[in-house]
C-alpha atoms as a PDB file:
ATOM      1  CA  MET A   1    -192.184-256.505  94.937  1.00  0.00           C
ATOM      2  CA  ALA A   2    -193.160-255.595  91.336  1.00  0.00           C
ATOM      3  CA  ASP A   3    -189.926-253.668  90.990  1.00  0.00           C
ATOM      4  CA  GLY A   4    -188.281-256.631  91.837  1.00  0.00           C
ATOM      5  CA  LYS A   5    -190.224-258.837  89.306  1.00  0.00           C
ATOM      6  CA  ASP A   6    -189.624-256.344  86.920  1.00  0.00           C
ATOM      7  CA  ARG A   7    -185.856-256.452  87.629  1.00  0.00           C
ATOM      8  CA  GLN A   8    -185.730-260.240  87.531  1.00  0.00           C
ATOM      9  CA  GLN A   9    -187.667-260.247  84.203  1.00  0.00           C
ATOM     10  CA  VAL A  10    -185.114-257.845  82.767  1.00  0.00           C
ATOM     11  CA  HIS A  11    -182.118-260.193  84.096  1.00  0.00           C
ATOM     12  CA  HIS A  12    -183.669-263.247  82.627  1.00  0.00           C
ATOM     13  CA  GLY A  13    -184.402-261.615  79.363  1.00  0.00           C
ATOM     14  CA  ARG A  14    -182.038-262.730  76.104  1.00  0.00           C
ATOM     15  CA  PRO A  15    -179.133-260.386  75.949  1.00  0.00           C
ATOM     16  CA  THR A  16    -179.184-258.320  72.800  1.00  0.00           C
ATOM     17  CA  ALA A  17    -176.048-258.094  70.754  1.00  0.00           C
ATOM     18  CA  PRO A  18    -173.805-254.972  71.044  1.00  0.00           C
ATOM     19  CA  ALA A  19    -174.323-252.356  68.132  1.00  0.00           C
ATOM     20  CA  HIS A  20    -171.714-252.585  65.913  1.00  0.00           C
ATOM     21  CA  LYS A  21    -169.826-249.442  64.055  1.00  0.00           C
ATOM     22  CA  ASP A  22    -170.540-249.196  60.583  1.00  0.00           C
ATOM     23  CA  GLU A  23    -167.550-250.519  58.443  1.00  0.00           C
ATOM     24  CA  ALA A  24    -165.709-248.258  56.093  1.00  0.00           C
ATOM     25  CA  PRO A  25    -166.598-248.432  52.558  1.00  0.00           C
ATOM     26  CA  MET A  26    -164.667-250.830  50.376  1.00  0.00           C
ATOM     27  CA  GLU A  27    -165.151-248.618  47.010  1.00  0.00           C
ATOM     28  CA  ASP A  28    -161.783-246.825  47.423  1.00  0.00           C
ATOM     29  CA  LEU A  29    -159.801-249.240  49.254  1.00  0.00           C
ATOM     30  CA  ARG A  30    -156.843-250.808  47.913  1.00  0.00           C
ATOM     31  CA  LEU A  31    -156.481-254.714  48.768  1.00  0.00           C
ATOM     32  CA  ILE A  32    -152.904-254.819  48.117  1.00  0.00           C
ATOM     33  CA  VAL A  33    -150.562-252.046  48.606  1.00  0.00           C
ATOM     34  CA  ARG A  34    -146.733-252.783  47.115  1.00  0.00           C
ATOM     35  CA  ILE A  35    -144.003-251.358  49.550  1.00  0.00           C
ATOM     36  CA  THR A  36    -140.158-252.231  48.758  1.00  0.00           C
ATOM     37  CA  GLY A  37    -141.448-255.279  46.644  1.00  0.00           C
ATOM     38  CA  ILE A  38    -143.859-256.744  49.339  1.00  0.00           C
ATOM     39  CA  ASP A  39    -147.421-256.714  48.761  1.00  0.00           C
ATOM     40  CA  LEU A  40    -149.126-255.466  52.088  1.00  0.00           C
ATOM     41  CA  ASP A  41    -152.614-256.279  53.111  1.00  0.00           C
ATOM     42  CA  GLY A  42    -154.661-253.199  52.408  1.00  0.00           C
ATOM     43  CA  LYS A  43    -157.256-254.194  55.062  1.00  0.00           C
ATOM     44  CA  LYS A  44    -154.926-253.825  58.097  1.00  0.00           C
ATOM     45  CA  PRO A  45    -153.537-250.668  59.426  1.00  0.00           C
ATOM     46  CA  ILE A  46    -150.243-249.191  58.627  1.00  0.00           C
ATOM     47  CA  SER A  47    -148.600-250.167  61.901  1.00  0.00           C
ATOM     48  CA  ARG A  48    -149.681-253.756  61.314  1.00  0.00           C
ATOM     49  CA  SER A  49    -149.042-254.400  57.662  1.00  0.00           C
ATOM     50  CA  LEU A  50    -145.745-253.026  57.736  1.00  0.00           C
ATOM     51  CA  THR A  51    -144.504-256.034  59.880  1.00  0.00           C
ATOM     52  CA  LYS A  52    -144.802-258.360  56.747  1.00  0.00           C
ATOM     53  CA  ILE A  53    -141.738-256.451  55.286  1.00  0.00           C
ATOM     54  CA  LYS A  54    -138.550-258.253  56.399  1.00  0.00           C
ATOM     55  CA  GLY A  55    -136.247-256.603  58.740  1.00  0.00           C
ATOM     56  CA  ILE A  56    -139.354-254.753  60.532  1.00  0.00           C
ATOM     57  CA  GLY A  57    -140.847-255.914  63.490  1.00  0.00           C
ATOM     58  CA  VAL A  58    -143.618-254.762  65.517  1.00  0.00           C
ATOM     59  CA  ARG A  59    -141.882-251.788  67.520  1.00  0.00           C
ATOM     60  CA  MET A  60    -140.188-250.616  64.157  1.00  0.00           C
ATOM     61  CA  ALA A  61    -143.617-250.979  62.391  1.00  0.00           C
ATOM     62  CA  LYS A  62    -144.922-248.534  64.964  1.00  0.00           C
ATOM     63  CA  ASN A  63    -141.973-245.988  64.861  1.00  0.00           C
ATOM     64  CA  ILE A  64    -142.217-245.851  61.150  1.00  0.00           C
ATOM     65  CA  ALA A  65    -146.117-245.504  61.419  1.00  0.00           C
ATOM     66  CA  ILE A  66    -145.735-242.644  63.824  1.00  0.00           C
ATOM     67  CA  ALA A  67    -143.101-240.938  61.635  1.00  0.00           C
ATOM     68  CA  PHE A  68    -145.412-241.286  58.618  1.00  0.00           C
ATOM     69  CA  GLU A  69    -148.081-239.548  60.712  1.00  0.00           C
ATOM     70  CA  LYS A  70    -145.727-236.588  61.452  1.00  0.00           C
ATOM     71  CA  ALA A  71    -144.693-236.275  57.788  1.00  0.00           C
ATOM     72  CA  THR A  72    -148.139-236.553  56.122  1.00  0.00           C
ATOM     73  CA  GLY A  73    -150.709-236.061  58.845  1.00  0.00           C
ATOM     74  CA  ILE A  74    -152.421-239.501  58.067  1.00  0.00           C
ATOM     75  CA  GLN A  75    -152.996-241.382  61.496  1.00  0.00           C
ATOM     76  CA  SER A  76    -151.013-244.399  62.162  1.00  0.00           C
ATOM     77  CA  GLU A  77    -153.729-246.320  62.563  1.00  0.00           C
ATOM     78  CA  SER A  78    -155.524-245.573  59.179  1.00  0.00           C
ATOM     79  CA  LEU A  79    -156.037-248.572  56.772  1.00  0.00           C
ATOM     80  CA  THR A  80    -153.081-249.083  54.313  1.00  0.00           C
ATOM     81  CA  GLY A  81    -155.373-249.468  51.396  1.00  0.00           C
ATOM     82  CA  LYS A  82    -156.659-245.777  51.965  1.00  0.00           C
ATOM     83  CA  LEU A  83    -153.279-244.400  51.217  1.00  0.00           C
ATOM     84  CA  SER A  84    -152.703-242.711  47.748  1.00  0.00           C
ATOM     85  CA  GLU A  85    -150.008-243.486  45.065  1.00  0.00           C
ATOM     86  CA  ASP A  86    -147.946-240.547  46.524  1.00  0.00           C
ATOM     87  CA  ASP A  87    -148.553-241.557  50.289  1.00  0.00           C
ATOM     88  CA  SER A  88    -147.263-244.988  49.502  1.00  0.00           C
ATOM     89  CA  ARG A  89    -144.126-243.609  47.870  1.00  0.00           C
ATOM     90  CA  LYS A  90    -143.691-241.427  50.990  1.00  0.00           C
ATOM     91  CA  LEU A  91    -144.173-244.548  53.373  1.00  0.00           C
ATOM     92  CA  GLU A  92    -141.809-246.382  51.241  1.00  0.00           C
ATOM     93  CA  GLU A  93    -139.150-243.695  51.566  1.00  0.00           C
ATOM     94  CA  ILE A  94    -139.636-243.749  55.232  1.00  0.00           C
ATOM     95  CA  VAL A  95    -138.872-247.443  55.291  1.00  0.00           C
ATOM     96  CA  VAL A  96    -136.025-247.293  53.248  1.00  0.00           C
ATOM     97  CA  SER A  97    -134.401-244.499  55.445  1.00  0.00           C
ATOM     98  CA  PRO A  98    -136.049-243.897  58.671  1.00  0.00           C
ATOM     99  CA  ALA A  99    -133.398-242.253  60.548  1.00  0.00           C
ATOM    100  CA  LYS A 100    -133.973-239.257  58.234  1.00  0.00           C
ATOM    101  CA  PHE A 101    -137.719-238.935  59.483  1.00  0.00           C
ATOM    102  CA  GLY A 102    -136.783-239.028  63.282  1.00  0.00           C
ATOM    103  CA  VAL A 103    -137.006-242.647  63.959  1.00  0.00           C
ATOM    104  CA  PRO A 104    -134.578-243.040  67.027  1.00  0.00           C
ATOM    105  CA  ALA A 105    -131.372-244.965  66.285  1.00  0.00           C
ATOM    106  CA  TRP A 106    -131.881-247.324  68.870  1.00  0.00           C
ATOM    107  CA  SER A 107    -134.498-249.042  66.976  1.00  0.00           C
ATOM    108  CA  LEU A 108    -132.286-249.416  63.870  1.00  0.00           C
ATOM    109  CA  ASN A 109    -130.996-252.709  63.043  1.00  0.00           C
ATOM    110  CA  ARG A 110    -127.571-251.689  61.673  1.00  0.00           C
ATOM    111  CA  ARG A 111    -126.063-249.332  63.918  1.00  0.00           C
ATOM    112  CA  LYS A 112    -122.473-247.966  63.325  1.00  0.00           C
ATOM    113  CA  ASP A 113    -121.841-249.988  60.045  1.00  0.00           C
ATOM    114  CA  PHE A 114    -118.423-251.360  59.723  1.00  0.00           C
ATOM    115  CA  TYR A 115    -117.959-249.681  56.285  1.00  0.00           C
ATOM    116  CA  SER A 116    -119.520-246.287  56.467  1.00  0.00           C
ATOM    117  CA  GLY A 117    -120.027-245.804  60.412  1.00  0.00           C
ATOM    118  CA  SER A 118    -123.340-244.585  60.130  1.00  0.00           C
ATOM    119  CA  ASP A 119    -126.682-245.695  61.573  1.00  0.00           C
ATOM    120  CA  THR A 120    -128.950-247.422  59.178  1.00  0.00           C
ATOM    121  CA  HIS A 121    -131.901-249.667  58.867  1.00  0.00           C
ATOM    122  CA  LEU A 122    -131.675-252.636  56.009  1.00  0.00           C
ATOM    123  CA  VAL A 123    -134.841-254.659  54.919  1.00  0.00           C
ATOM    124  CA  MET A 124    -135.314-257.488  52.463  1.00  0.00           C
ATOM    125  CA  SER A 125    -132.247-258.226  50.288  1.00  0.00           C
ATOM    126  CA  ASP A 126    -130.207-255.441  51.497  1.00  0.00           C
ATOM    127  CA  LEU A 127    -130.394-257.251  55.052  1.00  0.00           C
ATOM    128  CA  ASP A 128    -129.539-260.872  53.738  1.00  0.00           C
ATOM    129  CA  LEU A 129    -126.568-259.050  51.940  1.00  0.00           C
ATOM    130  CA  SER A 130    -124.983-257.428  55.000  1.00  0.00           C
ATOM    131  CA  ILE A 131    -125.240-260.482  57.092  1.00  0.00           C
ATOM    132  CA  ARG A 132    -123.464-262.850  54.523  1.00  0.00           C
ATOM    133  CA  SER A 133    -120.906-259.844  54.300  1.00  0.00           C
ATOM    134  CA  ASP A 134    -120.477-259.938  57.865  1.00  0.00           C
ATOM    135  CA  ILE A 135    -119.903-263.501  58.049  1.00  0.00           C
ATOM    136  CA  LEU A 136    -117.616-263.651  55.140  1.00  0.00           C
ATOM    137  CA  ARG A 137    -115.130-260.928  56.873  1.00  0.00           C
ATOM    138  CA  MET A 138    -115.326-262.841  60.135  1.00  0.00           C
ATOM    139  CA  THR A 139    -114.403-265.980  58.247  1.00  0.00           C
ATOM    140  CA  GLU A 140    -111.724-264.563  56.196  1.00  0.00           C
ATOM    141  CA  ILE A 141    -110.087-263.005  59.426  1.00  0.00           C
ATOM    142  CA  LYS A 142    -110.481-266.386  61.273  1.00  0.00           C
ATOM    143  CA  SER A 143    -111.920-264.783  64.276  1.00  0.00           C
ATOM    144  CA  TYR A 144    -113.664-267.249  66.831  1.00  0.00           C
ATOM    145  CA  LYS A 145    -117.301-266.625  65.338  1.00  0.00           C
ATOM    146  CA  GLY A 146    -115.798-266.698  61.740  1.00  0.00           C
ATOM    147  CA  LEU A 147    -114.213-270.386  62.448  1.00  0.00           C
ATOM    148  CA  ARG A 148    -117.480-271.517  64.146  1.00  0.00           C
ATOM    149  CA  HIS A 149    -119.273-270.358  61.018  1.00  0.00           C
ATOM    150  CA  ALA A 150    -117.234-271.992  58.802  1.00  0.00           C
ATOM    151  CA  TRP A 151    -117.332-275.181  60.966  1.00  0.00           C
ATOM    152  CA  GLY A 152    -121.094-275.102  60.722  1.00  0.00           C
ATOM    153  CA  LEU A 153    -121.226-274.974  64.632  1.00  0.00           C
ATOM    154  CA  PRO A 154    -123.324-273.010  66.805  1.00  0.00           C
ATOM    155  CA  VAL A 155    -121.750-269.655  67.379  1.00  0.00           C
ATOM    156  CA  ARG A 156    -123.258-268.132  70.551  1.00  0.00           C
ATOM    157  CA  GLY A 157    -122.052-270.501  73.468  1.00  0.00           C
ATOM    158  CA  GLN A 158    -124.679-273.325  73.024  1.00  0.00           C
ATOM    159  CA  ARG A 159    -123.609-276.981  74.053  1.00  0.00           C
ATOM    160  CA  THR A 160    -123.091-279.450  71.366  1.00  0.00           C
ATOM    161  CA  LYS A 161    -123.002-282.683  73.348  1.00  0.00           C
ATOM    162  CA  SER A 162    -126.576-283.450  72.455  1.00  0.00           C
ATOM    163  CA  THR A 163    -127.325-281.028  69.844  1.00  0.00           C
ATOM    164  CA  HIS A 164    -125.930-279.604  66.588  1.00  0.00           C
ATOM    165  CA  ARG A 165    -124.939-283.170  65.803  1.00  0.00           C
ATOM    166  CA  GLY A 166    -125.382-283.077  61.978  1.00  0.00           C
ATOM    167  CA  LYS A 167    -123.841-279.679  61.309  1.00  0.00           C
ATOM    168  CA  GLY A 168    -119.934-280.088  62.220  1.00  0.00           C
ATOM    169  CA  GLY A 169    -117.526-282.431  60.672  1.00  0.00           C
ATOM    170  CA  ILE A 170    -117.176-285.829  62.820  1.00  0.00           C
ATOM    171  CA  VAL A 171    -113.426-287.036  63.175  1.00  0.00           C
ATOM    172  CA  GLY A 172    -112.144-290.157  64.450  1.00  0.00           C
ATOM    173  CA  VAL A 173    -115.695-292.351  64.382  1.00  0.00           C
ATOM    174  CA  ILE A 174    -115.444-295.388  62.596  1.00  0.00           C
ATOM    175  CA  ARG A 175    -118.663-297.756  62.289  1.00  0.00           C
ATOM    176  CA  LYS A 176    -118.297-301.049  63.587  1.00  0.00           C
ATOM    177  CA  ASP A 177    -119.185-302.926  60.342  1.00  0.00           C
ATOM    178  CA  ALA A 178    -116.120-301.131  58.574  1.00  0.00           C
ATOM    179  CA  MET A 179    -113.915-302.358  61.345  1.00  0.00           C
ATOM    180  CA  LYS A 180    -115.006-305.979  61.049  1.00  0.00           C
ATOM    181  CA  GLN A 181    -114.445-305.836  57.199  1.00  0.00           C
ATOM    182  CA  GLY A 182    -111.347-304.154  57.639  1.00  0.00           C
ATOM    183  CA  GLY A 183    -112.469-300.679  56.805  1.00  0.00           C
ATOM    184  CA  PRO A 184    -112.521-298.911  53.722  1.00  0.00           C
ATOM    185  CA  ALA A 185    -109.240-297.169  54.254  1.00  0.00           C
ATOM    186  CA  GLY A 186    -105.877-298.537  52.825  1.00  0.00           C
ATOM    187  CA  PRO A 187    -103.193-300.153  55.134  1.00  0.00           C
ATOM    188  CA  GLY A 188    -101.492-297.197  57.107  1.00  0.00           C
ATOM    189  CA  LYS A 189    -104.517-294.935  57.133  1.00  0.00           C
ATOM    190  CA  ALA A 190    -106.989-294.391  60.008  1.00  0.00           C
ATOM    191  CA  GLY A 191    -109.738-297.109  60.096  1.00  0.00           C
ATOM    192  CA  ALA A 192    -107.676-299.618  58.304  1.00  0.00           C
ATOM    193  CA  ALA A 193    -107.593-303.089  60.030  1.00  0.00           C
ATOM    194  CA  PRO A 194    -103.856-304.295  61.400  1.00  0.00           C
ATOM    195  CA  PRO A 195    -102.148-306.615  59.110  1.00  0.00           C
ATOM    196  CA  ALA A 196    -102.462-310.266  59.841  1.00  0.00           C
ATOM    197  CA  ALA A 197     -99.499-312.073  61.475  1.00  0.00           C
ATOM    198  CA  ALA A 198     -97.487-314.346  59.569  1.00  0.00           C
ATOM    199  CA  ALA A 199     -98.276-318.141  59.744  1.00  0.00           C
ATOM    200  CA  PRO A 200     -95.602-320.115  61.142  1.00  0.00           C
ATOM    201  CA  ALA A 201     -93.601-322.339  58.970  1.00  0.00           C
ATOM    202  CA  LYS A 202     -94.891-326.079  58.426  1.00  0.00           C
ATOM    203  CA  GLY A 203     -93.580-328.461  60.587  1.00  0.00           C
ATOM    204  CA  VAL A 204     -92.169-325.810  63.183  1.00  0.00           C
ATOM    205  CA  ARG A 205     -94.207-325.417  66.429  1.00  0.00           C
ATOM    206  CA  LYS A 206     -94.811-321.793  67.659  1.00  0.00           C
ATOM    207  CA  ASN A 207     -93.315-322.402  70.895  1.00  0.00           C
ATOM    208  CA  ASP A 208     -90.246-324.299  69.879  1.00  0.00           C
ATOM    209  CA  LYS A 209     -86.806-322.836  70.584  1.00  0.00           C
ATOM    210  CA  LYS A 210     -84.277-322.689  68.051  1.00  0.00           C
END
């Protein structure tokens, strides 16, 4: 019975907070690390801070962090602020050209480029420039996607009955007020009111025969 009471007392006691590991010293930690013109958070691991760069998602960031670990020996979960200047330049080199450091081709965002035919990964302004170049090329050759881009309509088969109403040009729609007032257009143009019938001569009835 005594053992049971002791157990009950232990269970009813106030739980103690779990012991936390000592945090890493902040003396040699850089709070901001600049990679490809973007300020990365130095308090986050490498595989997480890289996602702030445009063109790099979660999966690509992990692949780059693994390639960086193989090239330098620094663990991929190390804090970004712990990197030296040389390590930061090495990381930026891997971000710019990941295919050279063993990152698989299926994870790149620019495979079989139209002009060079190579597999590359574009980030930041290079990514925006390539997208604009592709849209301009499709517009010039007047492909289906190019025409849809030029008209400002959805490209991937979305319906336009109830959505995308403000994007494309609207043809053949006339407001009721314009119809009542004769329309803004001149005679002979779309939206113009038909000309009024000529008034009958004075003293002649409409139904009188000649």
